PDB file of N, CA and C in Angstrom:
ATOM      1  N   UNK A   1       0.833  -1.125  -0.294  1.00  0.00           N
ATOM      2  CA  UNK A   1      -0.087   0.450  -0.465  1.00  0.00           C
ATOM      3  C   UNK A   1       0.735   1.169   0.073  1.00  0.00           C
ATOM      4  N   UNK A   2       0.113   2.508  -0.669  1.00  0.00           N
ATOM      5  CA  UNK A   2       1.318   3.409  -0.745  1.00  0.00           C
ATOM      6  C   UNK A   2       0.711   4.614  -0.176  1.00  0.00           C
ATOM      7  N   UNK A   3       1.213   5.403   0.854  1.00  0.00           N
ATOM      8  CA  UNK A   3       0.210   6.318   1.100  1.00  0.00           C
ATOM      9  C   UNK A   3       0.751   7.730   1.031  1.00  0.00           C
ATOM     10  N   UNK A   4       0.066   8.183   0.285  1.00  0.00           N
ATOM     11  CA  UNK A   4       0.397   9.893  -0.532  1.00  0.00           C
ATOM     12  C   UNK A   4      -0.038  11.176   0.092  1.00  0.00           C
ATOM     13  N   UNK A   5       0.984  12.101   0.382  1.00  0.00           N
ATOM     14  CA  UNK A   5       0.842  12.984   1.300  1.00  0.00           C
ATOM     15  C   UNK A   5       1.263  14.967   0.044  1.00  0.00           C
ATOM     16  N   UNK A   6       0.298  15.858   0.037  1.00  0.00           N
ATOM     17  CA  UNK A   6       0.612  16.509  -0.815  1.00  0.00           C
ATOM     18  C   UNK A   6       1.303  17.670  -0.376  1.00  0.00           C
ATOM     19  N   UNK A   7       1.802  18.546  -0.417  1.00  0.00           N
ATOM     20  CA  UNK A   7       2.163  20.214  -0.425  1.00  0.00           C
ATOM     21  C   UNK A   7       2.725  20.675  -1.029  1.00  0.00           C
ATOM     22  N   UNK A   8       2.463  22.138  -0.904  1.00  0.00           N
ATOM     23  CA  UNK A   8       3.234  22.989  -1.965  1.00  0.00           C
ATOM     24  C   UNK A   8       2.096  23.998  -2.690  1.00  0.00           C
ATOM     25  N   UNK A   9       0.394  23.974  -1.975  1.00  0.00           N
ATOM     26  CA  UNK A   9      -0.737  24.034  -2.224  1.00  0.00           C
ATOM     27  C   UNK A   9      -0.514  26.094  -1.566  1.00  0.00           C
ATOM     28  N   UNK A  10      -1.184  26.584  -1.828  1.00  0.00           N
ATOM     29  CA  UNK A  10      -1.559  28.306  -1.651  1.00  0.00           C
ATOM     30  C   UNK A  10      -2.221  29.181  -2.916  1.00  0.00           C
ATOM     31  N   UNK A  11      -1.816  30.184  -2.478  1.00  0.00           N
ATOM     32  CA  UNK A  11      -2.910  31.505  -3.333  1.00  0.00           C
ATOM     33  C   UNK A  11      -1.547  32.267  -3.899  1.00  0.00           C
ATOM     34  N   UNK A  12      -1.940  32.350  -5.261  1.00  0.00           N
ATOM     35  CA  UNK A  12      -0.733  32.962  -5.746  1.00  0.00           C
ATOM     36  C   UNK A  12      -1.537  33.931  -7.119  1.00  0.00           C
ATOM     37  N   UNK A  13      -0.855  34.837  -7.451  1.00  0.00           N
ATOM     38  CA  UNK A  13      -1.629  35.514  -8.707  1.00  0.00           C
ATOM     39  C   UNK A  13      -1.672  35.338  -9.626  1.00  0.00           C
ATOM     40  N   UNK A  14      -2.471  35.000 -10.383  1.00  0.00           N
ATOM     41  CA  UNK A  14      -1.562  35.197 -11.798  1.00  0.00           C
ATOM     42  C   UNK A  14      -1.188  35.492 -12.660  1.00  0.00           C
ATOM     43  N   UNK A  15      -0.245  34.351 -13.238  1.00  0.00           N
ATOM     44  CA  UNK A  15       0.612  34.489 -14.205  1.00  0.00           C
ATOM     45  C   UNK A  15       2.016  34.432 -13.040  1.00  0.00           C
ATOM     46  N   UNK A  16       1.542  33.835 -12.096  1.00  0.00           N
ATOM     47  CA  UNK A  16       2.635  33.211 -10.984  1.00  0.00           C
ATOM     48  C   UNK A  16       3.015  31.945 -11.190  1.00  0.00           C
ATOM     49  N   UNK A  17       3.749  31.506 -10.066  1.00  0.00           N
ATOM     50  CA  UNK A  17       4.104  30.037 -10.206  1.00  0.00           C
ATOM     51  C   UNK A  17       4.293  29.334  -8.982  1.00  0.00           C
ATOM     52  N   UNK A  18       3.366  27.933  -8.715  1.00  0.00           N
ATOM     53  CA  UNK A  18       3.935  27.397  -7.530  1.00  0.00           C
ATOM     54  C   UNK A  18       4.301  25.963  -8.216  1.00  0.00           C
ATOM     55  N   UNK A  19       5.227  24.711  -7.015  1.00  0.00           N
ATOM     56  CA  UNK A  19       5.616  24.029  -7.521  1.00  0.00           C
ATOM     57  C   UNK A  19       4.905  23.154  -6.280  1.00  0.00           C
ATOM     58  N   UNK A  20       4.614  21.788  -6.676  1.00  0.00           N
ATOM     59  CA  UNK A  20       3.524  20.601  -5.883  1.00  0.00           C
ATOM     60  C   UNK A  20       4.294  19.671  -5.361  1.00  0.00           C
ATOM     61  N   UNK A  21       4.304  19.415  -4.257  1.00  0.00           N
ATOM     62  CA  UNK A  21       5.185  17.935  -3.901  1.00  0.00           C
ATOM     63  C   UNK A  21       4.537  17.018  -3.875  1.00  0.00           C
ATOM     64  N   UNK A  22       4.582  15.715  -3.635  1.00  0.00           N
ATOM     65  CA  UNK A  22       3.686  14.565  -3.405  1.00  0.00           C
ATOM     66  C   UNK A  22       4.445  13.522  -2.404  1.00  0.00           C
ATOM     67  N   UNK A  23       4.964  13.627  -1.282  1.00  0.00           N
ATOM     68  CA  UNK A  23       5.732  12.191  -0.878  1.00  0.00           C
ATOM     69  C   UNK A  23       4.443  11.154  -0.439  1.00  0.00           C
ATOM     70  N   UNK A  24       5.970  10.107  -1.148  1.00  0.00           N
ATOM     71  CA  UNK A  24       5.009   8.643  -1.069  1.00  0.00           C
ATOM     72  C   UNK A  24       5.831   7.925  -0.080  1.00  0.00           C
ATOM     73  N   UNK A  25       5.037   7.055   0.779  1.00  0.00           N
ATOM     74  CA  UNK A  25       5.684   6.368   1.763  1.00  0.00           C
ATOM     75  C   UNK A  25       5.984   4.676   0.912  1.00  0.00           C
ATOM     76  N   UNK A  26       6.675   3.953   1.554  1.00  0.00           N
ATOM     77  CA  UNK A  26       6.801   2.775   1.048  1.00  0.00           C
ATOM     78  C   UNK A  26       7.786   2.606  -0.006  1.00  0.00           C
ATOM     79  N   UNK A  27       8.636   1.517  -0.075  1.00  0.00           N
ATOM     80  CA  UNK A  27       9.602   1.231  -0.667  1.00  0.00           C
ATOM     81  C   UNK A  27       9.422   0.813  -1.743  1.00  0.00           C
ATOM     82  N   UNK A  28       8.432   0.596  -2.364  1.00  0.00           N
ATOM     83  CA  UNK A  28       8.323   0.223  -3.814  1.00  0.00           C
ATOM     84  C   UNK A  28       8.040   1.698  -4.838  1.00  0.00           C
ATOM     85  N   UNK A  29       7.903   3.059  -4.276  1.00  0.00           N
ATOM     86  CA  UNK A  29       7.511   3.952  -5.152  1.00  0.00           C
ATOM     87  C   UNK A  29       7.873   3.788  -6.964  1.00  0.00           C
ATOM     88  N   UNK A  30       9.136   3.554  -6.810  1.00  0.00           N
ATOM     89  CA  UNK A  30       9.724   3.432  -8.293  1.00  0.00           C
ATOM     90  C   UNK A  30       9.099   2.813  -9.327  1.00  0.00           C
ATOM     91  N   UNK A  31       8.015   1.716  -8.815  1.00  0.00           N
ATOM     92  CA  UNK A  31       7.667   0.819  -9.913  1.00  0.00           C
ATOM     93  C   UNK A  31       6.048   1.364  -9.760  1.00  0.00           C
ATOM     94  N   UNK A  32       5.744   2.606  -9.338  1.00  0.00           N
ATOM     95  CA  UNK A  32       4.166   3.019  -9.402  1.00  0.00           C
ATOM     96  C   UNK A  32       4.753   4.281 -10.513  1.00  0.00           C
ATOM     97  N   UNK A  33       3.516   4.195 -11.687  1.00  0.00           N
ATOM     98  CA  UNK A  33       3.437   5.369 -12.436  1.00  0.00           C
ATOM     99  C   UNK A  33       2.617   6.698 -11.665  1.00  0.00           C
ATOM    100  N   UNK A  34       2.772   7.532 -11.474  1.00  0.00           N
ATOM    101  CA  UNK A  34       2.682   8.751 -10.569  1.00  0.00           C
ATOM    102  C   UNK A  34       1.860  10.257 -11.225  1.00  0.00           C
ATOM    103  N   UNK A  35       0.618  10.829 -11.099  1.00  0.00           N
ATOM    104  CA  UNK A  35       0.349  11.691 -11.430  1.00  0.00           C
ATOM    105  C   UNK A  35      -0.169  12.597 -11.023  1.00  0.00           C
ATOM    106  N   UNK A  36      -1.121  13.962 -11.198  1.00  0.00           N
ATOM    107  CA  UNK A  36      -1.932  14.720 -10.444  1.00  0.00           C
ATOM    108  C   UNK A  36      -2.822  15.334 -11.160  1.00  0.00           C
ATOM    109  N   UNK A  37      -3.805  15.324 -10.551  1.00  0.00           N
ATOM    110  CA  UNK A  37      -5.105  15.571 -10.957  1.00  0.00           C
ATOM    111  C   UNK A  37      -5.956  16.614 -10.271  1.00  0.00           C
ATOM    112  N   UNK A  38      -6.609  17.172 -10.824  1.00  0.00           N
ATOM    113  CA  UNK A  38      -7.741  18.373  -9.713  1.00  0.00           C
ATOM    114  C   UNK A  38      -8.582  18.664  -9.988  1.00  0.00           C
ATOM    115  N   UNK A  39      -9.378  18.931  -9.057  1.00  0.00           N
ATOM    116  CA  UNK A  39     -10.842  19.116  -8.889  1.00  0.00           C
ATOM    117  C   UNK A  39     -11.240  20.619  -8.863  1.00  0.00           C
ATOM    118  N   UNK A  40     -11.674  21.150  -9.413  1.00  0.00           N
ATOM    119  CA  UNK A  40     -12.629  22.481  -9.089  1.00  0.00           C
ATOM    120  C   UNK A  40     -13.559  22.508  -8.624  1.00  0.00           C
ATOM    121  N   UNK A  41     -14.272  23.724  -7.645  1.00  0.00           N
ATOM    122  CA  UNK A  41     -15.741  23.182  -6.449  1.00  0.00           C
ATOM    123  C   UNK A  41     -16.694  23.241  -8.263  1.00  0.00           C
ATOM    124  N   UNK A  42     -17.791  22.346  -7.743  1.00  0.00           N
ATOM    125  CA  UNK A  42     -19.019  22.219  -8.814  1.00  0.00           C
ATOM    126  C   UNK A  42     -18.304  20.955 -10.050  1.00  0.00           C
ATOM    127  N   UNK A  43     -17.044  21.091 -10.088  1.00  0.00           N
ATOM    128  CA  UNK A  43     -16.136  20.242 -11.379  1.00  0.00           C
ATOM    129  C   UNK A  43     -16.032  18.885 -10.738  1.00  0.00           C
ATOM    130  N   UNK A  44     -15.942  17.789 -12.552  1.00  0.00           N
ATOM    131  CA  UNK A  44     -15.454  16.410 -11.808  1.00  0.00           C
ATOM    132  C   UNK A  44     -14.161  16.922 -11.595  1.00  0.00           C
ATOM    133  N   UNK A  45     -13.366  15.919 -11.185  1.00  0.00           N
ATOM    134  CA  UNK A  45     -11.784  15.080 -10.741  1.00  0.00           C
ATOM    135  C   UNK A  45     -11.121  15.224 -12.318  1.00  0.00           C
ATOM    136  N   UNK A  46      -9.793  15.711 -12.551  1.00  0.00           N
ATOM    137  CA  UNK A  46      -9.439  15.929 -14.003  1.00  0.00           C
ATOM    138  C   UNK A  46      -8.086  15.634 -14.390  1.00  0.00           C
ATOM    139  N   UNK A  47      -7.867  15.029 -15.297  1.00  0.00           N
ATOM    140  CA  UNK A  47      -6.549  14.547 -15.427  1.00  0.00           C
ATOM    141  C   UNK A  47      -5.130  15.975 -15.503  1.00  0.00           C
ATOM    142  N   UNK A  48      -4.324  16.218 -14.969  1.00  0.00           N
ATOM    143  CA  UNK A  48      -3.362  16.861 -15.463  1.00  0.00           C
ATOM    144  C   UNK A  48      -1.991  16.972 -16.181  1.00  0.00           C
ATOM    145  N   UNK A  49      -1.803  15.638 -15.464  1.00  0.00           N
ATOM    146  CA  UNK A  49       0.018  15.272 -15.914  1.00  0.00           C
ATOM    147  C   UNK A  49       0.384  14.007 -15.292  1.00  0.00           C
ATOM    148  N   UNK A  50       0.937  12.679 -15.771  1.00  0.00           N
ATOM    149  CA  UNK A  50       1.481  11.829 -15.586  1.00  0.00           C
ATOM    150  C   UNK A  50       3.003  11.696 -15.830  1.00  0.00           C
ATOM    151  N   UNK A  51       3.437  10.504 -15.023  1.00  0.00           N
ATOM    152  CA  UNK A  51       4.999  10.154 -15.512  1.00  0.00           C
ATOM    153  C   UNK A  51       5.046   8.509 -15.484  1.00  0.00           C
ATOM    154  N   UNK A  52       5.955   8.019 -16.102  1.00  0.00           N
ATOM    155  CA  UNK A  52       6.021   6.967 -15.730  1.00  0.00           C
ATOM    156  C   UNK A  52       6.892   6.640 -14.582  1.00  0.00           C
ATOM    157  N   UNK A  53       6.988   5.112 -14.164  1.00  0.00           N
ATOM    158  CA  UNK A  53       8.162   4.882 -13.653  1.00  0.00           C
ATOM    159  C   UNK A  53       9.142   5.392 -13.116  1.00  0.00           C
ATOM    160  N   UNK A  54      10.063   5.312 -14.147  1.00  0.00           N
ATOM    161  CA  UNK A  54      11.511   5.447 -14.522  1.00  0.00           C
ATOM    162  C   UNK A  54      11.326   7.051 -14.848  1.00  0.00           C
ATOM    163  N   UNK A  55      10.294   7.897 -15.397  1.00  0.00           N
ATOM    164  CA  UNK A  55      10.064   9.221 -15.048  1.00  0.00           C
ATOM    165  C   UNK A  55      10.970   9.543 -16.890  1.00  0.00           C
ATOM    166  N   UNK A  56      10.388   8.663 -17.630  1.00  0.00           N
ATOM    167  CA  UNK A  56      11.278   8.518 -18.787  1.00  0.00           C
ATOM    168  C   UNK A  56       9.921   8.847 -19.660  1.00  0.00           C
ATOM    169  N   UNK A  57       8.719   8.954 -19.564  1.00  0.00           N
ATOM    170  CA  UNK A  57       7.798   9.123 -20.142  1.00  0.00           C
ATOM    171  C   UNK A  57       6.651  10.239 -19.425  1.00  0.00           C
ATOM    172  N   UNK A  58       6.414  10.996 -20.078  1.00  0.00           N
ATOM    173  CA  UNK A  58       5.499  12.894 -19.492  1.00  0.00           C
ATOM    174  C   UNK A  58       4.212  12.404 -19.661  1.00  0.00           C
ATOM    175  N   UNK A  59       3.120  12.891 -19.741  1.00  0.00           N
ATOM    176  CA  UNK A  59       1.848  13.369 -20.231  1.00  0.00           C
ATOM    177  C   UNK A  59       1.271  14.602 -19.536  1.00  0.00           C
ATOM    178  N   UNK A  60       0.258  15.059 -20.369  1.00  0.00           N
ATOM    179  CA  UNK A  60       0.135  16.358 -20.074  1.00  0.00           C
ATOM    180  C   UNK A  60      -1.797  16.499 -20.808  1.00  0.00           C
ATOM    181  N   UNK A  61      -2.376  17.199 -19.772  1.00  0.00           N
ATOM    182  CA  UNK A  61      -3.722  17.187 -20.480  1.00  0.00           C
ATOM    183  C   UNK A  61      -2.913  18.781 -21.611  1.00  0.00           C
ATOM    184  N   UNK A  62      -4.450  18.910 -22.157  1.00  0.00           N
ATOM    185  CA  UNK A  62      -3.688  19.863 -23.547  1.00  0.00           C
ATOM    186  C   UNK A  62      -4.089  21.543 -23.069  1.00  0.00           C
ATOM    187  N   UNK A  63      -4.766  21.632 -21.449  1.00  0.00           N
ATOM    188  CA  UNK A  63      -4.909  22.960 -20.743  1.00  0.00           C
ATOM    189  C   UNK A  63      -4.064  23.392 -20.018  1.00  0.00           C
ATOM    190  N   UNK A  64      -2.678  22.594 -19.913  1.00  0.00           N
ATOM    191  CA  UNK A  64      -1.544  22.721 -19.041  1.00  0.00           C
ATOM    192  C   UNK A  64      -0.175  22.727 -19.634  1.00  0.00           C
ATOM    193  N   UNK A  65      -0.396  21.959 -21.040  1.00  0.00           N
ATOM    194  CA  UNK A  65       0.992  21.753 -21.490  1.00  0.00           C
ATOM    195  C   UNK A  65       1.422  23.093 -21.781  1.00  0.00           C
ATOM    196  N   UNK A  66       2.773  22.779 -21.511  1.00  0.00           N
ATOM    197  CA  UNK A  66       3.433  23.850 -22.045  1.00  0.00           C
ATOM    198  C   UNK A  66       3.676  24.818 -20.743  1.00  0.00           C
ATOM    199  N   UNK A  67       3.199  25.059 -19.365  1.00  0.00           N
ATOM    200  CA  UNK A  67       2.923  25.494 -18.943  1.00  0.00           C
ATOM    201  C   UNK A  67       3.380  24.529 -17.280  1.00  0.00           C
ATOM    202  N   UNK A  68       2.965  23.662 -17.177  1.00  0.00           N
ATOM    203  CA  UNK A  68       3.563  22.636 -15.881  1.00  0.00           C
ATOM    204  C   UNK A  68       4.502  21.542 -16.477  1.00  0.00           C
ATOM    205  N   UNK A  69       5.205  21.265 -15.613  1.00  0.00           N
ATOM    206  CA  UNK A  69       6.300  19.955 -15.588  1.00  0.00           C
ATOM    207  C   UNK A  69       6.095  19.181 -14.465  1.00  0.00           C
ATOM    208  N   UNK A  70       5.951  17.897 -14.802  1.00  0.00           N
ATOM    209  CA  UNK A  70       5.805  16.791 -13.354  1.00  0.00           C
ATOM    210  C   UNK A  70       7.245  16.071 -13.784  1.00  0.00           C
ATOM    211  N   UNK A  71       7.714  15.779 -12.547  1.00  0.00           N
ATOM    212  CA  UNK A  71       8.964  15.276 -12.829  1.00  0.00           C
ATOM    213  C   UNK A  71       8.766  14.131 -11.159  1.00  0.00           C
ATOM    214  N   UNK A  72       9.986  13.487 -11.118  1.00  0.00           N
ATOM    215  CA  UNK A  72      10.098  12.556  -9.885  1.00  0.00           C
ATOM    216  C   UNK A  72      11.387  12.357  -9.585  1.00  0.00           C
ATOM    217  N   UNK A  73      11.426  11.870  -8.278  1.00  0.00           N
ATOM    218  CA  UNK A  73      12.768  11.859  -7.544  1.00  0.00           C
ATOM    219  C   UNK A  73      12.613  10.515  -6.820  1.00  0.00           C
ATOM    220  N   UNK A  74      13.075   9.378  -7.385  1.00  0.00           N
ATOM    221  CA  UNK A  74      13.057   7.927  -6.830  1.00  0.00           C
ATOM    222  C   UNK A  74      13.733   7.760  -5.499  1.00  0.00           C
ATOM    223  N   UNK A  75      14.761   8.259  -5.197  1.00  0.00           N
ATOM    224  CA  UNK A  75      15.484   8.359  -4.236  1.00  0.00           C
ATOM    225  C   UNK A  75      14.719   8.958  -2.933  1.00  0.00           C
ATOM    226  N   UNK A  76      14.041  10.103  -3.648  1.00  0.00           N
ATOM    227  CA  UNK A  76      13.204  10.961  -2.490  1.00  0.00           C
ATOM    228  C   UNK A  76      11.804  10.474  -2.031  1.00  0.00           C
ATOM    229  N   UNK A  77      11.403   9.623  -3.001  1.00  0.00           N
ATOM    230  CA  UNK A  77       9.958   8.818  -3.157  1.00  0.00           C
ATOM    231  C   UNK A  77       9.184  10.093  -3.309  1.00  0.00           C
ATOM    232  N   UNK A  78       9.229  10.714  -4.196  1.00  0.00           N
ATOM    233  CA  UNK A  78       8.609  12.305  -4.291  1.00  0.00           C
ATOM    234  C   UNK A  78       8.397  12.409  -5.748  1.00  0.00           C
ATOM    235  N   UNK A  79       7.459  13.261  -5.948  1.00  0.00           N
ATOM    236  CA  UNK A  79       7.057  14.041  -7.291  1.00  0.00           C
ATOM    237  C   UNK A  79       6.424  14.804  -7.192  1.00  0.00           C
ATOM    238  N   UNK A  80       6.276  15.879  -8.387  1.00  0.00           N
ATOM    239  CA  UNK A  80       6.725  17.340  -8.014  1.00  0.00           C
ATOM    240  C   UNK A  80       5.701  17.613  -9.537  1.00  0.00           C
ATOM    241  N   UNK A  81       5.259  18.792  -8.992  1.00  0.00           N
ATOM    242  CA  UNK A  81       4.680  19.629 -10.639  1.00  0.00           C
ATOM    243  C   UNK A  81       4.884  21.153 -10.242  1.00  0.00           C
ATOM    244  N   UNK A  82       5.383  21.250 -11.044  1.00  0.00           N
ATOM    245  CA  UNK A  82       6.042  22.640 -11.181  1.00  0.00           C
ATOM    246  C   UNK A  82       4.796  23.428 -12.354  1.00  0.00           C
ATOM    247  N   UNK A  83       4.389  24.029 -11.660  1.00  0.00           N
ATOM    248  CA  UNK A  83       3.277  25.037 -12.009  1.00  0.00           C
ATOM    249  C   UNK A  83       3.490  26.712 -12.556  1.00  0.00           C
ATOM    250  N   UNK A  84       3.886  26.890 -13.684  1.00  0.00           N
ATOM    251  CA  UNK A  84       4.025  28.580 -14.030  1.00  0.00           C
ATOM    252  C   UNK A  84       2.989  29.078 -15.002  1.00  0.00           C
ATOM    253  N   UNK A  85       3.357  30.360 -14.942  1.00  0.00           N
ATOM    254  CA  UNK A  85       1.861  31.041 -15.813  1.00  0.00           C
ATOM    255  C   UNK A  85       0.546  30.563 -15.473  1.00  0.00           C
ATOM    256  N   UNK A  86       0.352  30.629 -14.398  1.00  0.00           N
ATOM    257  CA  UNK A  86      -0.934  30.194 -13.537  1.00  0.00           C
ATOM    258  C   UNK A  86      -1.819  30.579 -14.128  1.00  0.00           C
ATOM    259  N   UNK A  87      -3.233  30.165 -14.406  1.00  0.00           N
ATOM    260  CA  UNK A  87      -4.687  30.671 -14.800  1.00  0.00           C
ATOM    261  C   UNK A  87      -5.562  31.448 -13.452  1.00  0.00           C
ATOM    262  N   UNK A  88      -6.151  31.939 -13.460  1.00  0.00           N
ATOM    263  CA  UNK A  88      -7.516  31.593 -12.300  1.00  0.00           C
ATOM    264  C   UNK A  88      -8.102  30.530 -12.859  1.00  0.00           C
ATOM    265  N   UNK A  89      -8.430  30.141 -14.047  1.00  0.00           N
ATOM    266  CA  UNK A  89      -9.103  28.679 -14.135  1.00  0.00           C
ATOM    267  C   UNK A  89      -8.075  27.290 -13.784  1.00  0.00           C
ATOM    268  N   UNK A  90      -7.231  27.374 -13.382  1.00  0.00           N
ATOM    269  CA  UNK A  90      -6.434  26.328 -12.631  1.00  0.00           C
ATOM    270  C   UNK A  90      -6.407  26.286 -11.381  1.00  0.00           C
ATOM    271  N   UNK A  91      -7.339  27.099 -10.957  1.00  0.00           N
ATOM    272  CA  UNK A  91      -7.290  26.827  -9.307  1.00  0.00           C
ATOM    273  C   UNK A  91      -8.425  25.601  -8.986  1.00  0.00           C
ATOM    274  N   UNK A  92      -7.666  24.753  -7.838  1.00  0.00           N
ATOM    275  CA  UNK A  92      -8.462  23.452  -7.612  1.00  0.00           C
ATOM    276  C   UNK A  92      -7.706  23.246  -6.674  1.00  0.00           C
ATOM    277  N   UNK A  93      -8.534  22.007  -6.091  1.00  0.00           N
ATOM    278  CA  UNK A  93      -7.639  21.125  -5.226  1.00  0.00           C
ATOM    279  C   UNK A  93      -6.861  20.345  -5.864  1.00  0.00           C
ATOM    280  N   UNK A  94      -5.298  20.221  -5.967  1.00  0.00           N
ATOM    281  CA  UNK A  94      -4.849  19.134  -6.626  1.00  0.00           C
ATOM    282  C   UNK A  94      -4.301  17.622  -5.867  1.00  0.00           C
ATOM    283  N   UNK A  95      -5.047  16.685  -6.535  1.00  0.00           N
ATOM    284  CA  UNK A  95      -4.628  15.308  -5.554  1.00  0.00           C
ATOM    285  C   UNK A  95      -2.944  14.578  -6.675  1.00  0.00           C
ATOM    286  N   UNK A  96      -2.639  13.985  -5.611  1.00  0.00           N
ATOM    287  CA  UNK A  96      -1.588  12.987  -6.096  1.00  0.00           C
ATOM    288  C   UNK A  96      -2.119  11.598  -6.382  1.00  0.00           C
ATOM    289  N   UNK A  97      -1.698  10.910  -7.541  1.00  0.00           N
ATOM    290  CA  UNK A  97      -1.964   9.739  -7.784  1.00  0.00           C
ATOM    291  C   UNK A  97      -1.057   8.750  -7.746  1.00  0.00           C
ATOM    292  N   UNK A  98      -1.317   7.347  -7.318  1.00  0.00           N
ATOM    293  CA  UNK A  98      -0.045   6.516  -7.909  1.00  0.00           C
ATOM    294  C   UNK A  98      -0.785   5.136  -8.255  1.00  0.00           C
ATOM    295  N   UNK A  99      -0.303   4.575  -9.607  1.00  0.00           N
ATOM    296  CA  UNK A  99      -1.156   3.573  -9.849  1.00  0.00           C
ATOM    297  C   UNK A  99      -0.117   2.365 -10.786  1.00  0.00           C
ATOM    298  N   UNK A 100      -0.563   1.618 -10.533  1.00  0.00           N
ATOM    299  CA  UNK A 100       0.207   0.143 -10.583  1.00  0.00           C
ATOM    300  C   UNK A 100      -0.722  -0.992 -11.125  1.00  0.00           C
ATOM    301  N   UNK A 101      -0.731  -1.341 -12.201  1.00  0.00           N
ATOM    302  CA  UNK A 101      -1.690  -2.639 -12.776  1.00  0.00           C
ATOM    303  C   UNK A 101      -3.244  -2.244 -12.201  1.00  0.00           C
ATOM    304  N   UNK A 102      -3.403  -1.321 -12.617  1.00  0.00           N
ATOM    305  CA  UNK A 102      -4.741  -0.898 -12.405  1.00  0.00           C
ATOM    306  C   UNK A 102      -5.022  -0.370 -11.265  1.00  0.00           C
ATOM    307  N   UNK A 103      -4.013  -0.705  -9.843  1.00  0.00           N
ATOM    308  CA  UNK A 103      -4.555   0.122  -8.308  1.00  0.00           C
ATOM    309  C   UNK A 103      -4.337   1.085  -8.116  1.00  0.00           C
ATOM    310  N   UNK A 104      -5.455   2.240  -7.700  1.00  0.00           N
ATOM    311  CA  UNK A 104      -5.225   3.788  -7.708  1.00  0.00           C
ATOM    312  C   UNK A 104      -4.928   4.113  -6.035  1.00  0.00           C
ATOM    313  N   UNK A 105      -4.101   5.261  -5.791  1.00  0.00           N
ATOM    314  CA  UNK A 105      -3.925   5.816  -4.568  1.00  0.00           C
ATOM    315  C   UNK A 105      -4.262   6.636  -5.072  1.00  0.00           C
ATOM    316  N   UNK A 106      -4.441   7.608  -3.789  1.00  0.00           N
ATOM    317  CA  UNK A 106      -4.763   9.088  -4.025  1.00  0.00           C
ATOM    318  C   UNK A 106      -4.329   9.742  -2.418  1.00  0.00           C
ATOM    319  N   UNK A 107      -3.870  10.739  -2.321  1.00  0.00           N
ATOM    320  CA  UNK A 107      -3.833  11.990  -1.430  1.00  0.00           C
ATOM    321  C   UNK A 107      -5.223  12.590  -1.022  1.00  0.00           C
ATOM    322  N   UNK A 108      -4.720  13.219  -0.119  1.00  0.00           N
ATOM    323  CA  UNK A 108      -5.740  14.345   0.338  1.00  0.00           C
ATOM    324  C   UNK A 108      -5.983  15.378  -0.371  1.00  0.00           C
ATOM    325  N   UNK A 109      -4.558  15.738  -1.101  1.00  0.00           N
ATOM    326  CA  UNK A 109      -4.948  16.719  -1.904  1.00  0.00           C
ATOM    327  C   UNK A 109      -4.446  18.414  -1.282  1.00  0.00           C
ATOM    328  N   UNK A 110      -4.083  19.377  -2.008  1.00  0.00           N
ATOM    329  CA  UNK A 110      -3.715  20.543  -1.566  1.00  0.00           C
ATOM    330  C   UNK A 110      -4.249  21.483  -2.581  1.00  0.00           C
ATOM    331  N   UNK A 111      -4.938  22.390  -1.930  1.00  0.00           N
ATOM    332  CA  UNK A 111      -5.749  23.681  -2.496  1.00  0.00           C
ATOM    333  C   UNK A 111      -4.471  24.853  -3.253  1.00  0.00           C
ATOM    334  N   UNK A 112      -4.502  24.902  -4.663  1.00  0.00           N
ATOM    335  CA  UNK A 112      -4.349  26.118  -5.139  1.00  0.00           C
ATOM    336  C   UNK A 112      -5.076  27.006  -5.699  1.00  0.00           C
ATOM    337  N   UNK A 113      -5.026  28.586  -5.186  1.00  0.00           N
ATOM    338  CA  UNK A 113      -5.864  29.239  -5.657  1.00  0.00           C
ATOM    339  C   UNK A 113      -5.305  30.449  -6.262  1.00  0.00           C
ATOM    340  N   UNK A 114      -5.597  30.885  -7.575  1.00  0.00           N
ATOM    341  CA  UNK A 114      -5.223  31.367  -8.363  1.00  0.00           C
ATOM    342  C   UNK A 114      -5.844  32.696  -8.650  1.00  0.00           C
ATOM    343  N   UNK A 115      -5.373  33.774  -8.367  1.00  0.00           N
ATOM    344  CA  UNK A 115      -6.423  34.878  -7.991  1.00  0.00           C
ATOM    345  C   UNK A 115      -6.241  36.212  -9.286  1.00  0.00           C
ATOM    346  N   UNK A 116      -6.831  36.710  -9.775  1.00  0.00           N
ATOM    347  CA  UNK A 116      -6.910  37.190 -10.954  1.00  0.00           C
ATOM    348  C   UNK A 116      -6.658  38.935 -11.059  1.00  0.00           C
TER     349      UNK A 116
END
């Protein structure tokens, strides 16, 4: 089992940057694909970005491509989401996800608020 704890959320002005972190427990972190999802009030949770277990492959939602970067440090059991050029529509609770063989684990989320 994997436990995930997100951090790094907060209030930022439009055009600013934040870096989210997700610390994972367990010795098998490097075997999991990792991802970030977000959920804005009144909306469904949506995919933001994902990274393969090795870090060699990354995937992004069209809405964040070119602005967000996902990375991981397997030695630190941590995945990051660097968010630049933030927009008010990026405001949401951001959740970390770990996936292996179709089994998903979720963190409790961190709130990002982007003011205009």
